[in-house]
């Protein structure tokens, strides 16, 4: 019996490059990282990414949701708790966040799941009206890419997500933001084949680089992702806001990199948290030499410099 071995993971015992367990990109240390040039001499490129997705009320037995997020009922009963949290985000929470972004003059980047694109056309129109940049974001929030998929299944999943976002927004997405940032070993190659220019799944750096030689990796920076920090790690809301500002200040001082603030409307859009989103953004805006932009624009500038 021949076991499947993804192309970018060397077999056990094979010589590997120092520091690496795969061949998606060369090993690179911070002193060797490029310092990117941003428009108007900005020291840092900043984007706010909104996660817009829809949860299945009764996921199929073969769905693979993030086990950290689902309610205790999980896939065995209608999961009213998790479903209603996502519905709250798309009906209520996101409008609080959009009001803050409007007041701050920030254009959002949006990771749009194909299920949400079909279920929430009015919301998609609101985002289009704000010139949002859309990335493909899988299907339901309860389904993510894993190595359990065959190559054909994964390719079809990626293509269906791309096409649904293109249909809903009128523009073929250039970027991919996987559900729960999950990938198989072959996802970068499948994304390249599907026409994607960049992905925001890889959290192993603060500066962009190339995956598989041709796919720009824009770091998602989960340390200040709202759900990752506050819900899963238990960081207090005021501390989260301070962490966001301090992380930005450190990267601004270094210069030449990116800062991505990822927000989930069902979480950050709650009435007791939105104040801290607003305060964090206003404190960041107190710094000069910032390029406020979208993931599409960052990827385009990065690709020209790599």
C-alpha atoms as a PDB file:
ATOM      1  CA  UNK A   1       0.000   0.000   0.000  1.00  0.00           C
ATOM      2  CA  UNK A   2       1.388   3.419  -0.984  1.00  0.00           C
ATOM      3  CA  UNK A   3       0.566   6.205   1.454  1.00  0.00           C
ATOM      4  CA  UNK A   4      -0.220   9.698   0.185  1.00  0.00           C
ATOM      5  CA  UNK A   5       2.532  12.168   0.976  1.00  0.00           C
ATOM      6  CA  UNK A   6       1.814  15.844   0.185  1.00  0.00           C
ATOM      7  CA  UNK A   7       4.425  17.273  -2.138  1.00  0.00           C
ATOM      8  CA  UNK A   8       5.634  19.970   0.252  1.00  0.00           C
ATOM      9  CA  UNK A   9       6.244  17.737   3.299  1.00  0.00           C
ATOM     10  CA  UNK A  10       9.500  15.734   3.047  1.00  0.00           C
ATOM     11  CA  UNK A  11       9.309  12.073   4.129  1.00  0.00           C
ATOM     12  CA  UNK A  12      10.593  11.240   7.616  1.00  0.00           C
ATOM     13  CA  UNK A  13      14.386  10.963   7.561  1.00  0.00           C
ATOM     14  CA  UNK A  14      14.871  13.117   4.485  1.00  0.00           C
ATOM     15  CA  UNK A  15      17.291  16.021   4.869  1.00  0.00           C
ATOM     16  CA  UNK A  16      15.429  19.281   5.439  1.00  0.00           C
ATOM     17  CA  UNK A  17      16.514  22.877   5.218  1.00  0.00           C
ATOM     18  CA  UNK A  18      17.520  24.337   8.610  1.00  0.00           C
ATOM     19  CA  UNK A  19      14.482  25.367  10.599  1.00  0.00           C
ATOM     20  CA  UNK A  20      11.970  23.933   8.120  1.00  0.00           C
ATOM     21  CA  UNK A  21       9.503  21.030   8.097  1.00  0.00           C
ATOM     22  CA  UNK A  22       8.245  21.715   4.563  1.00  0.00           C
ATOM     23  CA  UNK A  23       9.252  23.301   1.269  1.00  0.00           C
ATOM     24  CA  UNK A  24       6.590  26.001   0.800  1.00  0.00           C
ATOM     25  CA  UNK A  25       9.147  28.807   1.211  1.00  0.00           C
ATOM     26  CA  UNK A  26      12.814  29.274   2.211  1.00  0.00           C
ATOM     27  CA  UNK A  27      13.655  29.797   5.866  1.00  0.00           C
ATOM     28  CA  UNK A  28      14.037  33.498   6.681  1.00  0.00           C
ATOM     29  CA  UNK A  29      14.969  35.355   9.863  1.00  0.00           C
ATOM     30  CA  UNK A  30      13.757  38.859  10.755  1.00  0.00           C
ATOM     31  CA  UNK A  31      17.133  40.547   9.996  1.00  0.00           C
ATOM     32  CA  UNK A  32      16.962  39.065   6.485  1.00  0.00           C
ATOM     33  CA  UNK A  33      13.362  40.152   5.787  1.00  0.00           C
ATOM     34  CA  UNK A  34      12.770  42.852   3.164  1.00  0.00           C
ATOM     35  CA  UNK A  35      11.622  46.289   4.251  1.00  0.00           C
ATOM     36  CA  UNK A  36       8.749  47.067   1.914  1.00  0.00           C
ATOM     37  CA  UNK A  37       8.257  50.487   0.395  1.00  0.00           C
ATOM     38  CA  UNK A  38       4.720  51.819   0.823  1.00  0.00           C
ATOM     39  CA  UNK A  39       3.023  54.767  -0.925  1.00  0.00           C
ATOM     40  CA  UNK A  40       3.954  58.293   0.188  1.00  0.00           C
ATOM     41  CA  UNK A  41       6.821  56.999   2.297  1.00  0.00           C
ATOM     42  CA  UNK A  42       4.552  55.312   4.860  1.00  0.00           C
ATOM     43  CA  UNK A  43       6.320  53.235   7.494  1.00  0.00           C
ATOM     44  CA  UNK A  44       3.634  50.553   7.655  1.00  0.00           C
ATOM     45  CA  UNK A  45       0.623  49.247   5.711  1.00  0.00           C
ATOM     46  CA  UNK A  46      -2.528  48.786   7.811  1.00  0.00           C
ATOM     47  CA  UNK A  47      -5.761  46.980   7.000  1.00  0.00           C
ATOM     48  CA  UNK A  48      -8.855  45.967   8.955  1.00  0.00           C
ATOM     49  CA  UNK A  49     -10.244  42.567   7.945  1.00  0.00           C
ATOM     50  CA  UNK A  50     -13.862  41.655   8.673  1.00  0.00           C
ATOM     51  CA  UNK A  51     -14.794  37.968   8.807  1.00  0.00           C
ATOM     52  CA  UNK A  52     -18.250  37.610   7.243  1.00  0.00           C
ATOM     53  CA  UNK A  53     -19.530  34.049   7.397  1.00  0.00           C
ATOM     54  CA  UNK A  54     -22.608  31.928   8.031  1.00  0.00           C
ATOM     55  CA  UNK A  55     -22.888  28.880  10.295  1.00  0.00           C
ATOM     56  CA  UNK A  56     -24.943  25.800   9.397  1.00  0.00           C
ATOM     57  CA  UNK A  57     -27.786  25.164  11.825  1.00  0.00           C
ATOM     58  CA  UNK A  58     -27.383  21.410  11.431  1.00  0.00           C
ATOM     59  CA  UNK A  59     -23.955  20.626   9.900  1.00  0.00           C
ATOM     60  CA  UNK A  60     -23.540  17.353   8.057  1.00  0.00           C
ATOM     61  CA  UNK A  61     -21.648  14.575   9.777  1.00  0.00           C
ATOM     62  CA  UNK A  62     -18.668  15.138   7.491  1.00  0.00           C
ATOM     63  CA  UNK A  63     -18.328  18.856   8.265  1.00  0.00           C
ATOM     64  CA  UNK A  64     -15.122  19.884  10.025  1.00  0.00           C
ATOM     65  CA  UNK A  65     -15.740  22.976  12.184  1.00  0.00           C
ATOM     66  CA  UNK A  66     -13.200  24.511  14.525  1.00  0.00           C
ATOM     67  CA  UNK A  67     -13.743  22.480  17.741  1.00  0.00           C
ATOM     68  CA  UNK A  68     -12.842  25.504  19.865  1.00  0.00           C
ATOM     69  CA  UNK A  69     -15.848  27.511  18.661  1.00  0.00           C
ATOM     70  CA  UNK A  70     -18.830  25.147  18.397  1.00  0.00           C
ATOM     71  CA  UNK A  71     -21.333  24.885  21.224  1.00  0.00           C
ATOM     72  CA  UNK A  72     -21.596  21.672  23.290  1.00  0.00           C
ATOM     73  CA  UNK A  73     -24.454  20.539  21.057  1.00  0.00           C
ATOM     74  CA  UNK A  74     -22.068  20.543  18.106  1.00  0.00           C
ATOM     75  CA  UNK A  75     -23.071  18.608  15.003  1.00  0.00           C
ATOM     76  CA  UNK A  76     -25.392  16.195  16.801  1.00  0.00           C
ATOM     77  CA  UNK A  77     -28.336  18.594  17.173  1.00  0.00           C
ATOM     78  CA  UNK A  78     -29.317  21.886  15.580  1.00  0.00           C
ATOM     79  CA  UNK A  79     -26.580  24.185  16.867  1.00  0.00           C
ATOM     80  CA  UNK A  80     -28.744  27.185  17.704  1.00  0.00           C
ATOM     81  CA  UNK A  81     -26.095  28.868  19.851  1.00  0.00           C
ATOM     82  CA  UNK A  82     -23.323  29.094  17.240  1.00  0.00           C
ATOM     83  CA  UNK A  83     -25.755  29.684  14.369  1.00  0.00           C
ATOM     84  CA  UNK A  84     -27.383  32.619  16.178  1.00  0.00           C
ATOM     85  CA  UNK A  85     -23.995  34.139  17.069  1.00  0.00           C
ATOM     86  CA  UNK A  86     -23.084  34.310  13.389  1.00  0.00           C
ATOM     87  CA  UNK A  87     -26.547  35.629  12.516  1.00  0.00           C
ATOM     88  CA  UNK A  88     -26.144  38.336  15.160  1.00  0.00           C
ATOM     89  CA  UNK A  89     -22.871  39.377  13.565  1.00  0.00           C
ATOM     90  CA  UNK A  90     -24.362  39.743  10.088  1.00  0.00           C
ATOM     91  CA  UNK A  91     -27.578  41.439  11.268  1.00  0.00           C
ATOM     92  CA  UNK A  92     -26.382  43.610  14.152  1.00  0.00           C
ATOM     93  CA  UNK A  93     -22.703  43.563  15.062  1.00  0.00           C
ATOM     94  CA  UNK A  94     -21.280  44.380  11.659  1.00  0.00           C
ATOM     95  CA  UNK A  95     -23.220  47.649  11.433  1.00  0.00           C
ATOM     96  CA  UNK A  96     -21.593  48.875  14.645  1.00  0.00           C
ATOM     97  CA  UNK A  97     -18.179  48.044  13.211  1.00  0.00           C
ATOM     98  CA  UNK A  98     -18.985  49.693   9.877  1.00  0.00           C
ATOM     99  CA  UNK A  99     -20.070  52.856  11.683  1.00  0.00           C
ATOM    100  CA  UNK A 100     -16.693  52.970  13.438  1.00  0.00           C
ATOM    101  CA  UNK A 101     -14.798  52.350  10.189  1.00  0.00           C
ATOM    102  CA  UNK A 102     -16.866  55.014   8.409  1.00  0.00           C
ATOM    103  CA  UNK A 103     -16.052  57.596  11.085  1.00  0.00           C
ATOM    104  CA  UNK A 104     -12.368  56.690  10.901  1.00  0.00           C
ATOM    105  CA  UNK A 105     -12.341  56.712   7.093  1.00  0.00           C
ATOM    106  CA  UNK A 106     -11.171  53.085   6.903  1.00  0.00           C
ATOM    107  CA  UNK A 107     -12.064  50.879   3.931  1.00  0.00           C
ATOM    108  CA  UNK A 108     -12.431  47.260   5.097  1.00  0.00           C
ATOM    109  CA  UNK A 109     -10.999  44.086   3.662  1.00  0.00           C
ATOM    110  CA  UNK A 110     -13.672  41.375   3.870  1.00  0.00           C
ATOM    111  CA  UNK A 111     -13.260  37.610   4.093  1.00  0.00           C
ATOM    112  CA  UNK A 112     -16.610  36.566   2.601  1.00  0.00           C
ATOM    113  CA  UNK A 113     -17.829  32.994   2.938  1.00  0.00           C
ATOM    114  CA  UNK A 114     -19.872  31.744   0.001  1.00  0.00           C
ATOM    115  CA  UNK A 115     -22.806  30.847   2.278  1.00  0.00           C
ATOM    116  CA  UNK A 116     -22.862  34.373   3.721  1.00  0.00           C
ATOM    117  CA  UNK A 117     -22.595  35.829   0.220  1.00  0.00           C
ATOM    118  CA  UNK A 118     -25.763  33.967  -0.767  1.00  0.00           C
ATOM    119  CA  UNK A 119     -27.646  34.485   2.513  1.00  0.00           C
ATOM    120  CA  UNK A 120     -26.872  38.184   3.049  1.00  0.00           C
ATOM    121  CA  UNK A 121     -27.072  40.043  -0.290  1.00  0.00           C
ATOM    122  CA  UNK A 122     -28.095  43.321   1.398  1.00  0.00           C
ATOM    123  CA  UNK A 123     -25.014  43.161   3.602  1.00  0.00           C
ATOM    124  CA  UNK A 124     -22.809  42.498   0.580  1.00  0.00           C
ATOM    125  CA  UNK A 125     -24.317  45.590  -1.058  1.00  0.00           C
ATOM    126  CA  UNK A 126     -23.474  47.655   2.040  1.00  0.00           C
ATOM    127  CA  UNK A 127     -19.878  46.486   1.820  1.00  0.00           C
ATOM    128  CA  UNK A 128     -19.668  47.129  -1.927  1.00  0.00           C
ATOM    129  CA  UNK A 129     -20.957  50.660  -1.303  1.00  0.00           C
ATOM    130  CA  UNK A 130     -17.947  51.173   0.975  1.00  0.00           C
ATOM    131  CA  UNK A 131     -15.539  49.934  -1.721  1.00  0.00           C
ATOM    132  CA  UNK A 132     -14.619  46.928   0.405  1.00  0.00           C
ATOM    133  CA  UNK A 133     -12.009  44.509  -0.858  1.00  0.00           C
ATOM    134  CA  UNK A 134     -13.387  40.942  -0.896  1.00  0.00           C
ATOM    135  CA  UNK A 135     -11.449  37.741  -0.302  1.00  0.00           C
ATOM    136  CA  UNK A 136     -12.856  34.243  -0.784  1.00  0.00           C
ATOM    137  CA  UNK A 137     -13.442  32.593   2.590  1.00  0.00           C
ATOM    138  CA  UNK A 138     -14.609  29.051   1.959  1.00  0.00           C
ATOM    139  CA  UNK A 139     -18.245  28.054   2.364  1.00  0.00           C
ATOM    140  CA  UNK A 140     -20.005  27.812   5.744  1.00  0.00           C
ATOM    141  CA  UNK A 141     -18.139  28.717   8.919  1.00  0.00           C
ATOM    142  CA  UNK A 142     -18.663  25.103   9.927  1.00  0.00           C
ATOM    143  CA  UNK A 143     -16.599  23.771   6.995  1.00  0.00           C
ATOM    144  CA  UNK A 144     -12.871  24.173   6.548  1.00  0.00           C
ATOM    145  CA  UNK A 145     -10.146  22.727   4.383  1.00  0.00           C
ATOM    146  CA  UNK A 146      -8.289  19.770   5.873  1.00  0.00           C
ATOM    147  CA  UNK A 147      -6.026  17.020   4.578  1.00  0.00           C
ATOM    148  CA  UNK A 148      -9.009  14.663   4.761  1.00  0.00           C
ATOM    149  CA  UNK A 149     -10.128  16.161   1.455  1.00  0.00           C
ATOM    150  CA  UNK A 150      -8.963  14.646  -1.795  1.00  0.00           C
ATOM    151  CA  UNK A 151      -7.215  16.963  -4.238  1.00  0.00           C
ATOM    152  CA  UNK A 152     -10.343  17.061  -6.401  1.00  0.00           C
ATOM    153  CA  UNK A 153     -12.560  17.887  -3.408  1.00  0.00           C
ATOM    154  CA  UNK A 154     -10.293  20.696  -2.271  1.00  0.00           C
ATOM    155  CA  UNK A 155      -9.998  22.154  -5.763  1.00  0.00           C
ATOM    156  CA  UNK A 156     -13.784  22.121  -6.152  1.00  0.00           C
ATOM    157  CA  UNK A 157     -14.230  23.721  -2.705  1.00  0.00           C
ATOM    158  CA  UNK A 158     -11.840  26.551  -3.574  1.00  0.00           C
ATOM    159  CA  UNK A 159     -13.379  27.132  -7.009  1.00  0.00           C
ATOM    160  CA  UNK A 160     -16.932  27.191  -5.629  1.00  0.00           C
ATOM    161  CA  UNK A 161     -15.973  29.773  -3.014  1.00  0.00           C
ATOM    162  CA  UNK A 162     -14.193  31.944  -5.579  1.00  0.00           C
ATOM    163  CA  UNK A 163     -17.135  31.811  -7.977  1.00  0.00           C
ATOM    164  CA  UNK A 164     -19.744  32.565  -5.284  1.00  0.00           C
ATOM    165  CA  UNK A 165     -17.872  35.684  -4.167  1.00  0.00           C
ATOM    166  CA  UNK A 166     -17.438  36.776  -7.791  1.00  0.00           C
ATOM    167  CA  UNK A 167     -21.173  36.351  -8.416  1.00  0.00           C
ATOM    168  CA  UNK A 168     -22.164  38.230  -5.256  1.00  0.00           C
ATOM    169  CA  UNK A 169     -19.732  41.147  -5.644  1.00  0.00           C
ATOM    170  CA  UNK A 170     -19.211  41.390  -9.397  1.00  0.00           C
ATOM    171  CA  UNK A 171     -15.443  40.998  -8.976  1.00  0.00           C
ATOM    172  CA  UNK A 172     -13.347  37.832  -8.983  1.00  0.00           C
ATOM    173  CA  UNK A 173     -11.486  37.769  -5.649  1.00  0.00           C
ATOM    174  CA  UNK A 174      -7.699  37.995  -5.779  1.00  0.00           C
ATOM    175  CA  UNK A 175      -7.233  36.866  -2.191  1.00  0.00           C
ATOM    176  CA  UNK A 176      -7.994  33.776  -0.126  1.00  0.00           C
ATOM    177  CA  UNK A 177      -8.645  33.770   3.632  1.00  0.00           C
ATOM    178  CA  UNK A 178      -9.383  30.194   4.672  1.00  0.00           C
ATOM    179  CA  UNK A 179     -12.032  29.312   7.196  1.00  0.00           C
ATOM    180  CA  UNK A 180     -10.179  29.218  10.544  1.00  0.00           C
ATOM    181  CA  UNK A 181      -7.042  29.895   8.425  1.00  0.00           C
ATOM    182  CA  UNK A 182      -6.954  26.153   7.747  1.00  0.00           C
ATOM    183  CA  UNK A 183      -5.092  24.593   4.819  1.00  0.00           C
ATOM    184  CA  UNK A 184      -3.862  21.228   3.629  1.00  0.00           C
ATOM    185  CA  UNK A 185      -0.266  20.772   2.519  1.00  0.00           C
ATOM    186  CA  UNK A 186      -1.343  21.350  -1.082  1.00  0.00           C
ATOM    187  CA  UNK A 187      -3.641  24.360  -0.616  1.00  0.00           C
ATOM    188  CA  UNK A 188      -1.120  26.991  -1.832  1.00  0.00           C
ATOM    189  CA  UNK A 189      -0.664  25.111  -5.113  1.00  0.00           C
ATOM    190  CA  UNK A 190      -4.441  24.767  -5.518  1.00  0.00           C
ATOM    191  CA  UNK A 191      -4.898  28.496  -4.852  1.00  0.00           C
ATOM    192  CA  UNK A 192      -2.333  29.398  -7.486  1.00  0.00           C
ATOM    193  CA  UNK A 193      -4.037  27.090  -9.987  1.00  0.00           C
ATOM    194  CA  UNK A 194      -7.396  28.737  -9.173  1.00  0.00           C
ATOM    195  CA  UNK A 195      -6.011  32.172 -10.003  1.00  0.00           C
ATOM    196  CA  UNK A 196      -5.482  33.601  -6.523  1.00  0.00           C
ATOM    197  CA  UNK A 197      -2.691  36.135  -5.998  1.00  0.00           C
ATOM    198  CA  UNK A 198      -2.430  35.983  -2.210  1.00  0.00           C
ATOM    199  CA  UNK A 199      -3.570  34.291   0.989  1.00  0.00           C
ATOM    200  CA  UNK A 200      -3.896  35.511   4.587  1.00  0.00           C
ATOM    201  CA  UNK A 201      -3.714  32.083   6.229  1.00  0.00           C
ATOM    202  CA  UNK A 202      -0.088  31.895   7.354  1.00  0.00           C
ATOM    203  CA  UNK A 203       0.733  33.419  10.759  1.00  0.00           C
ATOM    204  CA  UNK A 204       4.484  32.769  10.741  1.00  0.00           C
ATOM    205  CA  UNK A 205       5.747  36.296  10.040  1.00  0.00           C
ATOM    206  CA  UNK A 206       4.931  39.994  10.268  1.00  0.00           C
ATOM    207  CA  UNK A 207       6.156  40.755   6.744  1.00  0.00           C
ATOM    208  CA  UNK A 208       4.810  39.258   3.529  1.00  0.00           C
ATOM    209  CA  UNK A 209       6.672  36.659   1.478  1.00  0.00           C
ATOM    210  CA  UNK A 210       6.045  34.181  -1.353  1.00  0.00           C
ATOM    211  CA  UNK A 211       4.520  30.719  -0.920  1.00  0.00           C
ATOM    212  CA  UNK A 212       5.354  28.065  -3.506  1.00  0.00           C
ATOM    213  CA  UNK A 213       7.213  30.736  -5.437  1.00  0.00           C
ATOM    214  CA  UNK A 214       4.176  32.649  -6.675  1.00  0.00           C
ATOM    215  CA  UNK A 215       1.518  33.163  -3.963  1.00  0.00           C
ATOM    216  CA  UNK A 216       1.889  36.204  -1.710  1.00  0.00           C
ATOM    217  CA  UNK A 217       1.431  35.368   1.972  1.00  0.00           C
ATOM    218  CA  UNK A 218       0.031  38.292   3.976  1.00  0.00           C
ATOM    219  CA  UNK A 219       0.326  37.533   7.724  1.00  0.00           C
ATOM    220  CA  UNK A 220      -3.045  37.414   9.567  1.00  0.00           C
ATOM    221  CA  UNK A 221      -1.357  38.186  12.927  1.00  0.00           C
ATOM    222  CA  UNK A 222      -3.681  36.199  15.240  1.00  0.00           C
ATOM    223  CA  UNK A 223      -2.163  37.617  18.433  1.00  0.00           C
ATOM    224  CA  UNK A 224      -4.594  40.548  18.171  1.00  0.00           C
ATOM    225  CA  UNK A 225      -7.416  38.775  16.319  1.00  0.00           C
ATOM    226  CA  UNK A 226     -10.486  39.517  18.478  1.00  0.00           C
ATOM    227  CA  UNK A 227     -11.771  35.935  18.807  1.00  0.00           C
ATOM    228  CA  UNK A 228      -8.315  34.408  19.164  1.00  0.00           C
ATOM    229  CA  UNK A 229      -7.296  36.816  21.918  1.00  0.00           C
ATOM    230  CA  UNK A 230     -10.455  37.541  23.884  1.00  0.00           C
ATOM    231  CA  UNK A 231     -12.699  34.506  23.418  1.00  0.00           C
ATOM    232  CA  UNK A 232     -10.147  31.711  23.196  1.00  0.00           C
ATOM    233  CA  UNK A 233      -7.374  33.084  25.416  1.00  0.00           C
ATOM    234  CA  UNK A 234      -9.465  35.092  27.837  1.00  0.00           C
ATOM    235  CA  UNK A 235      -7.724  38.453  27.333  1.00  0.00           C
ATOM    236  CA  UNK A 236      -9.731  41.233  29.007  1.00  0.00           C
ATOM    237  CA  UNK A 237     -11.335  43.706  26.603  1.00  0.00           C
ATOM    238  CA  UNK A 238      -9.332  46.779  27.725  1.00  0.00           C
ATOM    239  CA  UNK A 239      -6.133  44.714  27.657  1.00  0.00           C
ATOM    240  CA  UNK A 240      -6.941  43.569  24.117  1.00  0.00           C
ATOM    241  CA  UNK A 241      -7.266  47.188  22.969  1.00  0.00           C
ATOM    242  CA  UNK A 242      -3.938  48.028  24.626  1.00  0.00           C
ATOM    243  CA  UNK A 243      -2.317  45.002  22.983  1.00  0.00           C
ATOM    244  CA  UNK A 244      -3.577  46.090  19.557  1.00  0.00           C
ATOM    245  CA  UNK A 245      -2.091  49.551  20.004  1.00  0.00           C
ATOM    246  CA  UNK A 246       1.187  48.275  21.440  1.00  0.00           C
ATOM    247  CA  UNK A 247       1.602  45.690  18.668  1.00  0.00           C
ATOM    248  CA  UNK A 248       0.979  48.370  16.067  1.00  0.00           C
ATOM    249  CA  UNK A 249       3.451  50.737  17.741  1.00  0.00           C
ATOM    250  CA  UNK A 250       6.168  48.067  17.732  1.00  0.00           C
ATOM    251  CA  UNK A 251       5.688  47.267  14.056  1.00  0.00           C
ATOM    252  CA  UNK A 252       5.445  50.968  13.192  1.00  0.00           C
ATOM    253  CA  UNK A 253       8.799  51.540  14.877  1.00  0.00           C
ATOM    254  CA  UNK A 254      10.370  48.667  12.924  1.00  0.00           C
ATOM    255  CA  UNK A 255       8.890  49.922   9.653  1.00  0.00           C
ATOM    256  CA  UNK A 256       8.536  48.177   6.302  1.00  0.00           C
ATOM    257  CA  UNK A 257       5.883  45.669   7.362  1.00  0.00           C
ATOM    258  CA  UNK A 258       2.123  45.211   7.680  1.00  0.00           C
ATOM    259  CA  UNK A 259      -0.516  45.349  10.397  1.00  0.00           C
ATOM    260  CA  UNK A 260      -3.764  43.405   9.971  1.00  0.00           C
ATOM    261  CA  UNK A 261      -6.536  43.841  12.545  1.00  0.00           C
ATOM    262  CA  UNK A 262      -8.987  40.950  12.126  1.00  0.00           C
ATOM    263  CA  UNK A 263     -12.496  41.400  13.559  1.00  0.00           C
ATOM    264  CA  UNK A 264     -15.478  39.034  13.721  1.00  0.00           C
ATOM    265  CA  UNK A 265     -18.749  41.012  13.671  1.00  0.00           C
ATOM    266  CA  UNK A 266     -20.497  38.498  15.948  1.00  0.00           C
ATOM    267  CA  UNK A 267     -17.807  39.145  18.557  1.00  0.00           C
ATOM    268  CA  UNK A 268     -16.234  42.583  18.170  1.00  0.00           C
ATOM    269  CA  UNK A 269     -19.621  44.059  17.208  1.00  0.00           C
ATOM    270  CA  UNK A 270     -21.120  43.417  20.655  1.00  0.00           C
ATOM    271  CA  UNK A 271     -22.182  46.614  22.467  1.00  0.00           C
ATOM    272  CA  UNK A 272     -19.674  46.147  25.297  1.00  0.00           C
ATOM    273  CA  UNK A 273     -16.729  45.637  22.916  1.00  0.00           C
ATOM    274  CA  UNK A 274     -17.290  48.136  20.100  1.00  0.00           C
ATOM    275  CA  UNK A 275     -16.060  51.045  22.223  1.00  0.00           C
ATOM    276  CA  UNK A 276     -12.658  49.382  22.476  1.00  0.00           C
ATOM    277  CA  UNK A 277     -12.486  48.767  18.732  1.00  0.00           C
ATOM    278  CA  UNK A 278     -13.113  52.470  18.194  1.00  0.00           C
ATOM    279  CA  UNK A 279     -10.591  53.537  20.832  1.00  0.00           C
ATOM    280  CA  UNK A 280      -7.884  51.215  19.483  1.00  0.00           C
ATOM    281  CA  UNK A 281      -8.302  52.562  15.943  1.00  0.00           C
ATOM    282  CA  UNK A 282      -8.272  56.185  17.089  1.00  0.00           C
ATOM    283  CA  UNK A 283      -5.105  55.613  19.102  1.00  0.00           C
ATOM    284  CA  UNK A 284      -3.430  53.998  16.093  1.00  0.00           C
ATOM    285  CA  UNK A 285      -4.455  56.968  13.966  1.00  0.00           C
ATOM    286  CA  UNK A 286      -2.475  59.178  16.312  1.00  0.00           C
ATOM    287  CA  UNK A 287       0.674  57.916  14.594  1.00  0.00           C
ATOM    288  CA  UNK A 288       1.896  59.390  11.319  1.00  0.00           C
ATOM    289  CA  UNK A 289       3.202  57.713   8.156  1.00  0.00           C
ATOM    290  CA  UNK A 290       0.505  55.021   7.900  1.00  0.00           C
ATOM    291  CA  UNK A 291      -0.870  53.601   4.670  1.00  0.00           C
ATOM    292  CA  UNK A 292      -4.498  52.651   5.447  1.00  0.00           C
ATOM    293  CA  UNK A 293      -5.417  50.223   2.706  1.00  0.00           C
ATOM    294  CA  UNK A 294      -6.796  46.800   1.784  1.00  0.00           C
ATOM    295  CA  UNK A 295      -5.298  43.345   1.433  1.00  0.00           C
ATOM    296  CA  UNK A 296      -5.655  43.562  -2.356  1.00  0.00           C
ATOM    297  CA  UNK A 297      -3.554  46.722  -2.502  1.00  0.00           C
ATOM    298  CA  UNK A 298      -0.935  45.402  -0.080  1.00  0.00           C
ATOM    299  CA  UNK A 299      -0.533  42.183  -2.086  1.00  0.00           C
ATOM    300  CA  UNK A 300      -0.141  44.163  -5.315  1.00  0.00           C
ATOM    301  CA  UNK A 301       2.628  46.328  -3.845  1.00  0.00           C
ATOM    302  CA  UNK A 302       4.342  43.352  -2.245  1.00  0.00           C
ATOM    303  CA  UNK A 303       4.352  41.303  -5.434  1.00  0.00           C
ATOM    304  CA  UNK A 304       6.085  44.131  -7.289  1.00  0.00           C
ATOM    305  CA  UNK A 305       8.880  44.144  -4.681  1.00  0.00           C
ATOM    306  CA  UNK A 306       9.516  40.408  -4.272  1.00  0.00           C
END
